[in-house]
Amino acid sequence: MPDFPIRKTMIFVEDIHHDGGPVAKLPRRRAAIVAVVANPYAGAYVEDLAPGMEALKPLGLMMTDRLIEAMGGIEGIDGYGKAAMAGEAGELEHSALWHVPGGYSMRERLGEAKAIVPSSMKVGGPGTRIDIPLGHINAAYVRSHFDAMEVGLPDAPKAGELMFALAMSRGGRVHDRMGGLAVADVKGLDGLR
């Protein structure tokens, strides 16, 4: 089983009170957590990467639990997303290792989450930033929750590292007014509407 020792983690939290319009009755909270780990696949082509997904499941659960704590608890969390970045000695497919451990960990802990967890991946060096796409946890068509949270670390990922990220939000964009499926109209049957 491949090993992914953690070098560091960091949590980002922001409360959005307004975006140039009226002050929201309740600020919108977005939070993200990143973990920088060693990439056991860096520098070589490995055909079977699937064991890495299994090995990363505990990291996904730990990061999810810490992120829920940073959000102030599970109550009202209705948006999520994930991202991963491979350092320069890695390949894009190494960041795809995060699909199952990152996404399924959040869906497990958030309970009735039906929608696919939006995701982004890239390869980059230290200081490269990545956008974590956000979407509603039960219905992908809820436009008010289309968003992204940018994260990055000045010293990561190094060439032989991976940087994994999770993000959650509470509420839609502060001044959303683009129509579409309203949160109150979500049926949550198929993850789309």
C-alpha atoms as a PDB file:
ATOM      1  CA  MET A   1       0.000   0.000   0.000  1.00  0.00           C
ATOM      2  CA  PRO A   2       1.484   3.401  -0.952  1.00  0.00           C
ATOM      3  CA  ASP A   3       2.287   5.852   1.823  1.00  0.00           C
ATOM      4  CA  PHE A   4       1.378   9.557   1.800  1.00  0.00           C
ATOM      5  CA  PRO A   5       3.030  11.160   4.878  1.00  0.00           C
ATOM      6  CA  ILE A   6       1.676  14.638   5.645  1.00  0.00           C
ATOM      7  CA  ARG A   7       4.135  17.539   5.607  1.00  0.00           C
ATOM      8  CA  LYS A   8       1.612  20.207   6.545  1.00  0.00           C
ATOM      9  CA  THR A   9      -2.033  21.253   6.590  1.00  0.00           C
ATOM     10  CA  MET A  10      -3.636  24.670   6.476  1.00  0.00           C
ATOM     11  CA  ILE A  11      -7.198  25.909   6.935  1.00  0.00           C
ATOM     12  CA  PHE A  12      -8.669  28.976   5.229  1.00  0.00           C
ATOM     13  CA  VAL A  13     -11.912  30.556   6.522  1.00  0.00           C
ATOM     14  CA  GLU A  14     -13.721  33.574   5.175  1.00  0.00           C
ATOM     15  CA  ASP A  15     -16.990  35.239   6.131  1.00  0.00           C
ATOM     16  CA  ILE A  16     -18.519  37.327   3.347  1.00  0.00           C
ATOM     17  CA  HIS A  17     -20.710  40.145   4.631  1.00  0.00           C
ATOM     18  CA  HIS A  18     -21.381  41.834   1.285  1.00  0.00           C
ATOM     19  CA  ASP A  19     -20.026  42.084  -2.216  1.00  0.00           C
ATOM     20  CA  GLY A  20     -20.707  45.726  -2.923  1.00  0.00           C
ATOM     21  CA  GLY A  21     -24.445  45.497  -2.252  1.00  0.00           C
ATOM     22  CA  PRO A  22     -26.486  45.373   0.950  1.00  0.00           C
ATOM     23  CA  VAL A  23     -24.988  43.665   4.002  1.00  0.00           C
ATOM     24  CA  ALA A  24     -26.244  40.088   4.320  1.00  0.00           C
ATOM     25  CA  LYS A  25     -28.400  39.205   7.315  1.00  0.00           C
ATOM     26  CA  LEU A  26     -26.097  36.243   7.878  1.00  0.00           C
ATOM     27  CA  PRO A  27     -22.572  36.294   6.414  1.00  0.00           C
ATOM     28  CA  ARG A  28     -21.745  33.525   3.982  1.00  0.00           C
ATOM     29  CA  ARG A  29     -18.955  31.313   5.254  1.00  0.00           C
ATOM     30  CA  ARG A  30     -16.548  29.507   2.948  1.00  0.00           C
ATOM     31  CA  ALA A  31     -13.726  27.398   4.297  1.00  0.00           C
ATOM     32  CA  ALA A  32     -11.076  25.166   2.801  1.00  0.00           C
ATOM     33  CA  ILE A  33      -8.422  22.827   4.099  1.00  0.00           C
ATOM     34  CA  VAL A  34      -5.305  21.744   2.240  1.00  0.00           C
ATOM     35  CA  ALA A  35      -2.918  18.924   3.039  1.00  0.00           C
ATOM     36  CA  VAL A  36       0.526  18.607   1.514  1.00  0.00           C
ATOM     37  CA  VAL A  37       1.714  15.010   1.320  1.00  0.00           C
ATOM     38  CA  ALA A  38       4.563  13.054  -0.211  1.00  0.00           C
ATOM     39  CA  ASN A  39       3.785  11.680  -3.669  1.00  0.00           C
ATOM     40  CA  PRO A  40       4.953   8.036  -3.744  1.00  0.00           C
ATOM     41  CA  TYR A  41       4.426   7.962  -7.528  1.00  0.00           C
ATOM     42  CA  ALA A  42       6.539  11.035  -8.378  1.00  0.00           C
ATOM     43  CA  GLY A  43       9.235  10.596 -10.979  1.00  0.00           C
ATOM     44  CA  ALA A  44       8.035   7.321 -12.468  1.00  0.00           C
ATOM     45  CA  TYR A  45       5.097   5.963 -14.433  1.00  0.00           C
ATOM     46  CA  VAL A  46       3.005   3.577 -12.324  1.00  0.00           C
ATOM     47  CA  GLU A  47       0.237   1.712 -14.155  1.00  0.00           C
ATOM     48  CA  ASP A  48      -2.020   0.869 -11.178  1.00  0.00           C
ATOM     49  CA  LEU A  49      -2.760   3.905  -9.028  1.00  0.00           C
ATOM     50  CA  ALA A  50      -5.977   2.536  -7.481  1.00  0.00           C
ATOM     51  CA  PRO A  51      -4.341   1.390  -4.202  1.00  0.00           C
ATOM     52  CA  GLY A  52      -3.459   5.045  -3.582  1.00  0.00           C
ATOM     53  CA  MET A  53      -7.129   6.009  -3.440  1.00  0.00           C
ATOM     54  CA  GLU A  54      -7.742   3.450  -0.708  1.00  0.00           C
ATOM     55  CA  ALA A  55      -4.665   4.618   1.237  1.00  0.00           C
ATOM     56  CA  LEU A  56      -5.906   8.234   1.126  1.00  0.00           C
ATOM     57  CA  LYS A  57      -9.360   7.570   2.633  1.00  0.00           C
ATOM     58  CA  PRO A  58      -8.257   8.264   6.241  1.00  0.00           C
ATOM     59  CA  LEU A  59      -6.762  11.590   5.108  1.00  0.00           C
ATOM     60  CA  GLY A  60     -10.045  12.507   3.421  1.00  0.00           C
ATOM     61  CA  LEU A  61     -12.017  11.787   6.585  1.00  0.00           C
ATOM     62  CA  MET A  62      -9.569  13.684   8.818  1.00  0.00           C
ATOM     63  CA  MET A  63      -9.627  16.720   6.520  1.00  0.00           C
ATOM     64  CA  THR A  64     -13.432  16.617   6.307  1.00  0.00           C
ATOM     65  CA  ASP A  65     -13.777  16.515  10.095  1.00  0.00           C
ATOM     66  CA  ARG A  66     -11.384  19.451  10.535  1.00  0.00           C
ATOM     67  CA  LEU A  67     -13.195  21.420   7.848  1.00  0.00           C
ATOM     68  CA  ILE A  68     -16.602  20.855   9.454  1.00  0.00           C
ATOM     69  CA  GLU A  69     -15.083  22.091  12.716  1.00  0.00           C
ATOM     70  CA  ALA A  70     -13.730  25.210  10.953  1.00  0.00           C
ATOM     71  CA  MET A  71     -17.210  25.810   9.523  1.00  0.00           C
ATOM     72  CA  GLY A  72     -18.567  25.908  13.087  1.00  0.00           C
ATOM     73  CA  GLY A  73     -20.346  22.569  12.791  1.00  0.00           C
ATOM     74  CA  ILE A  74     -22.354  20.705  10.207  1.00  0.00           C
ATOM     75  CA  GLU A  75     -25.510  22.823  10.538  1.00  0.00           C
ATOM     76  CA  GLY A  76     -26.340  24.647   7.321  1.00  0.00           C
ATOM     77  CA  ILE A  77     -23.395  23.426   5.227  1.00  0.00           C
ATOM     78  CA  ASP A  78     -24.906  23.236   1.754  1.00  0.00           C
ATOM     79  CA  GLY A  79     -21.972  23.605  -0.646  1.00  0.00           C
ATOM     80  CA  TYR A  80     -18.805  21.635  -1.291  1.00  0.00           C
ATOM     81  CA  GLY A  81     -15.933  21.024  -3.668  1.00  0.00           C
ATOM     82  CA  LYS A  82     -12.481  19.477  -3.946  1.00  0.00           C
ATOM     83  CA  ALA A  83      -9.213  20.043  -5.755  1.00  0.00           C
ATOM     84  CA  ALA A  84      -5.784  18.462  -6.067  1.00  0.00           C
ATOM     85  CA  MET A  85      -2.416  19.512  -7.422  1.00  0.00           C
ATOM     86  CA  ALA A  86       0.589  17.373  -8.237  1.00  0.00           C
ATOM     87  CA  GLY A  87       4.074  18.806  -7.917  1.00  0.00           C
ATOM     88  CA  GLU A  88       6.313  19.006 -10.972  1.00  0.00           C
ATOM     89  CA  ALA A  89       7.674  15.434 -10.679  1.00  0.00           C
ATOM     90  CA  GLY A  90       4.121  14.106 -10.606  1.00  0.00           C
ATOM     91  CA  GLU A  91       1.501  13.824 -13.299  1.00  0.00           C
ATOM     92  CA  LEU A  92      -2.067  15.062 -13.583  1.00  0.00           C
ATOM     93  CA  GLU A  93      -3.389  11.551 -12.972  1.00  0.00           C
ATOM     94  CA  HIS A  94      -1.785  11.589  -9.521  1.00  0.00           C
ATOM     95  CA  SER A  95      -4.105  14.421  -8.530  1.00  0.00           C
ATOM     96  CA  ALA A  96      -7.042  12.245  -9.668  1.00  0.00           C
ATOM     97  CA  LEU A  97      -6.253  10.011  -6.680  1.00  0.00           C
ATOM     98  CA  TRP A  98      -8.298  12.534  -4.658  1.00  0.00           C
ATOM     99  CA  HIS A  99     -11.649  11.880  -6.400  1.00  0.00           C
ATOM    100  CA  VAL A 100     -12.811   9.058  -4.141  1.00  0.00           C
ATOM    101  CA  PRO A 101     -11.152   9.883  -0.798  1.00  0.00           C
ATOM    102  CA  GLY A 102     -11.953  13.606  -0.982  1.00  0.00           C
ATOM    103  CA  GLY A 103     -15.450  13.442  -2.404  1.00  0.00           C
ATOM    104  CA  TYR A 104     -16.793  10.412  -0.611  1.00  0.00           C
ATOM    105  CA  SER A 105     -15.444  11.603   2.753  1.00  0.00           C
ATOM    106  CA  MET A 106     -17.456  14.824   2.529  1.00  0.00           C
ATOM    107  CA  ARG A 107     -20.563  13.031   1.289  1.00  0.00           C
ATOM    108  CA  GLU A 108     -20.269  10.502   4.135  1.00  0.00           C
ATOM    109  CA  ARG A 109     -19.893  13.114   6.859  1.00  0.00           C
ATOM    110  CA  LEU A 110     -22.523  15.508   5.461  1.00  0.00           C
ATOM    111  CA  GLY A 111     -25.145  12.758   5.330  1.00  0.00           C
ATOM    112  CA  GLU A 112     -27.730  13.219   2.605  1.00  0.00           C
ATOM    113  CA  ALA A 113     -25.402  14.875   0.073  1.00  0.00           C
ATOM    114  CA  LYS A 114     -26.633  13.750  -3.356  1.00  0.00           C
ATOM    115  CA  ALA A 115     -24.792  15.921  -5.895  1.00  0.00           C
ATOM    116  CA  ILE A 116     -21.435  15.125  -7.404  1.00  0.00           C
ATOM    117  CA  VAL A 117     -18.599  16.960  -5.674  1.00  0.00           C
ATOM    118  CA  PRO A 118     -17.181  19.528  -8.131  1.00  0.00           C
ATOM    119  CA  SER A 119     -13.472  19.055  -8.713  1.00  0.00           C
ATOM    120  CA  SER A 120     -10.396  20.626 -10.267  1.00  0.00           C
ATOM    121  CA  MET A 121      -6.900  19.246 -10.822  1.00  0.00           C
ATOM    122  CA  LYS A 122      -3.586  20.553 -12.078  1.00  0.00           C
ATOM    123  CA  VAL A 123       0.178  20.199 -11.955  1.00  0.00           C
ATOM    124  CA  GLY A 124       2.195  23.069 -10.503  1.00  0.00           C
ATOM    125  CA  GLY A 125       5.097  24.081  -8.327  1.00  0.00           C
ATOM    126  CA  PRO A 126       5.428  25.917  -5.024  1.00  0.00           C
ATOM    127  CA  GLY A 127       3.148  28.933  -4.830  1.00  0.00           C
ATOM    128  CA  THR A 128       0.818  27.758  -7.597  1.00  0.00           C
ATOM    129  CA  ARG A 129      -2.775  28.506  -6.694  1.00  0.00           C
ATOM    130  CA  ILE A 130      -5.827  26.408  -7.493  1.00  0.00           C
ATOM    131  CA  ASP A 131      -9.539  27.164  -7.576  1.00  0.00           C
ATOM    132  CA  ILE A 132     -11.739  24.728  -5.683  1.00  0.00           C
ATOM    133  CA  PRO A 133     -15.100  24.737  -7.476  1.00  0.00           C
ATOM    134  CA  LEU A 134     -18.154  24.834  -5.234  1.00  0.00           C
ATOM    135  CA  GLY A 135     -21.655  23.530  -5.860  1.00  0.00           C
ATOM    136  CA  HIS A 136     -24.783  22.710  -3.873  1.00  0.00           C
ATOM    137  CA  ILE A 137     -24.563  19.399  -1.992  1.00  0.00           C
ATOM    138  CA  ASN A 138     -27.908  18.055  -3.205  1.00  0.00           C
ATOM    139  CA  ALA A 139     -28.577  19.601  -6.613  1.00  0.00           C
ATOM    140  CA  ALA A 140     -25.989  20.533  -9.232  1.00  0.00           C
ATOM    141  CA  TYR A 141     -28.401  22.991 -10.929  1.00  0.00           C
ATOM    142  CA  VAL A 142     -28.591  25.431  -7.999  1.00  0.00           C
ATOM    143  CA  ARG A 143     -26.946  28.484  -9.617  1.00  0.00           C
ATOM    144  CA  SER A 144     -26.701  30.478  -6.388  1.00  0.00           C
ATOM    145  CA  HIS A 145     -24.053  28.017  -5.194  1.00  0.00           C
ATOM    146  CA  PHE A 146     -21.819  28.087  -8.308  1.00  0.00           C
ATOM    147  CA  ASP A 147     -18.616  29.529  -6.925  1.00  0.00           C
ATOM    148  CA  ALA A 148     -14.954  28.792  -6.296  1.00  0.00           C
ATOM    149  CA  MET A 149     -12.472  29.331  -3.509  1.00  0.00           C
ATOM    150  CA  GLU A 150      -8.831  29.942  -4.421  1.00  0.00           C
ATOM    151  CA  VAL A 151      -6.135  28.406  -2.245  1.00  0.00           C
ATOM    152  CA  GLY A 152      -2.390  28.019  -2.398  1.00  0.00           C
ATOM    153  CA  LEU A 153       0.720  27.776  -0.264  1.00  0.00           C
ATOM    154  CA  PRO A 154       3.996  29.567  -0.940  1.00  0.00           C
ATOM    155  CA  ASP A 155       6.056  26.406  -0.375  1.00  0.00           C
ATOM    156  CA  ALA A 156       3.853  23.727  -1.916  1.00  0.00           C
ATOM    157  CA  PRO A 157       3.595  21.500  -3.717  1.00  0.00           C
ATOM    158  CA  LYS A 158       7.265  20.684  -4.051  1.00  0.00           C
ATOM    159  CA  ALA A 159       8.261  18.454  -6.974  1.00  0.00           C
ATOM    160  CA  GLY A 160       7.651  15.183  -5.103  1.00  0.00           C
ATOM    161  CA  GLU A 161       4.464  16.251  -3.322  1.00  0.00           C
ATOM    162  CA  LEU A 162       0.712  16.362  -3.767  1.00  0.00           C
ATOM    163  CA  MET A 163      -1.564  19.072  -2.396  1.00  0.00           C
ATOM    164  CA  PHE A 164      -5.113  17.937  -1.674  1.00  0.00           C
ATOM    165  CA  ALA A 165      -7.917  20.405  -0.902  1.00  0.00           C
ATOM    166  CA  LEU A 166     -11.520  20.320   0.309  1.00  0.00           C
ATOM    167  CA  ALA A 167     -13.920  23.262   0.595  1.00  0.00           C
ATOM    168  CA  MET A 168     -17.374  23.810   2.059  1.00  0.00           C
ATOM    169  CA  SER A 169     -19.788  26.712   2.133  1.00  0.00           C
ATOM    170  CA  ARG A 170     -22.891  27.790   3.973  1.00  0.00           C
ATOM    171  CA  GLY A 171     -25.419  29.576   1.763  1.00  0.00           C
ATOM    172  CA  GLY A 172     -25.242  30.812  -1.795  1.00  0.00           C
ATOM    173  CA  ARG A 173     -23.362  33.839  -3.101  1.00  0.00           C
ATOM    174  CA  VAL A 174     -24.235  36.853  -0.961  1.00  0.00           C
ATOM    175  CA  HIS A 175     -25.971  38.763  -3.773  1.00  0.00           C
ATOM    176  CA  ASP A 176     -27.044  35.881  -6.023  1.00  0.00           C
ATOM    177  CA  ARG A 177     -29.698  36.993  -8.491  1.00  0.00           C
ATOM    178  CA  MET A 178     -29.169  34.911 -11.615  1.00  0.00           C
ATOM    179  CA  GLY A 179     -32.267  32.772 -11.227  1.00  0.00           C
ATOM    180  CA  GLY A 180     -32.254  29.052 -11.845  1.00  0.00           C
ATOM    181  CA  LEU A 181     -33.238  26.357  -9.405  1.00  0.00           C
ATOM    182  CA  ALA A 182     -33.843  27.840  -5.948  1.00  0.00           C
ATOM    183  CA  VAL A 183     -32.644  26.013  -2.841  1.00  0.00           C
ATOM    184  CA  ALA A 184     -36.264  25.843  -1.627  1.00  0.00           C
ATOM    185  CA  ASP A 185     -37.202  23.914  -4.804  1.00  0.00           C
ATOM    186  CA  VAL A 186     -34.476  21.245  -4.587  1.00  0.00           C
ATOM    187  CA  LYS A 187     -35.906  17.723  -4.672  1.00  0.00           C
ATOM    188  CA  GLY A 188     -32.500  16.046  -4.186  1.00  0.00           C
ATOM    189  CA  LEU A 189     -33.507  12.805  -5.914  1.00  0.00           C
ATOM    190  CA  ASP A 190     -30.775  12.471  -8.509  1.00  0.00           C
ATOM    191  CA  GLY A 191     -28.164  15.047  -7.497  1.00  0.00           C
ATOM    192  CA  LEU A 192     -29.156  17.342 -10.352  1.00  0.00           C
ATOM    193  CA  ARG A 193     -32.415  19.042  -9.316  1.00  0.00           C
END
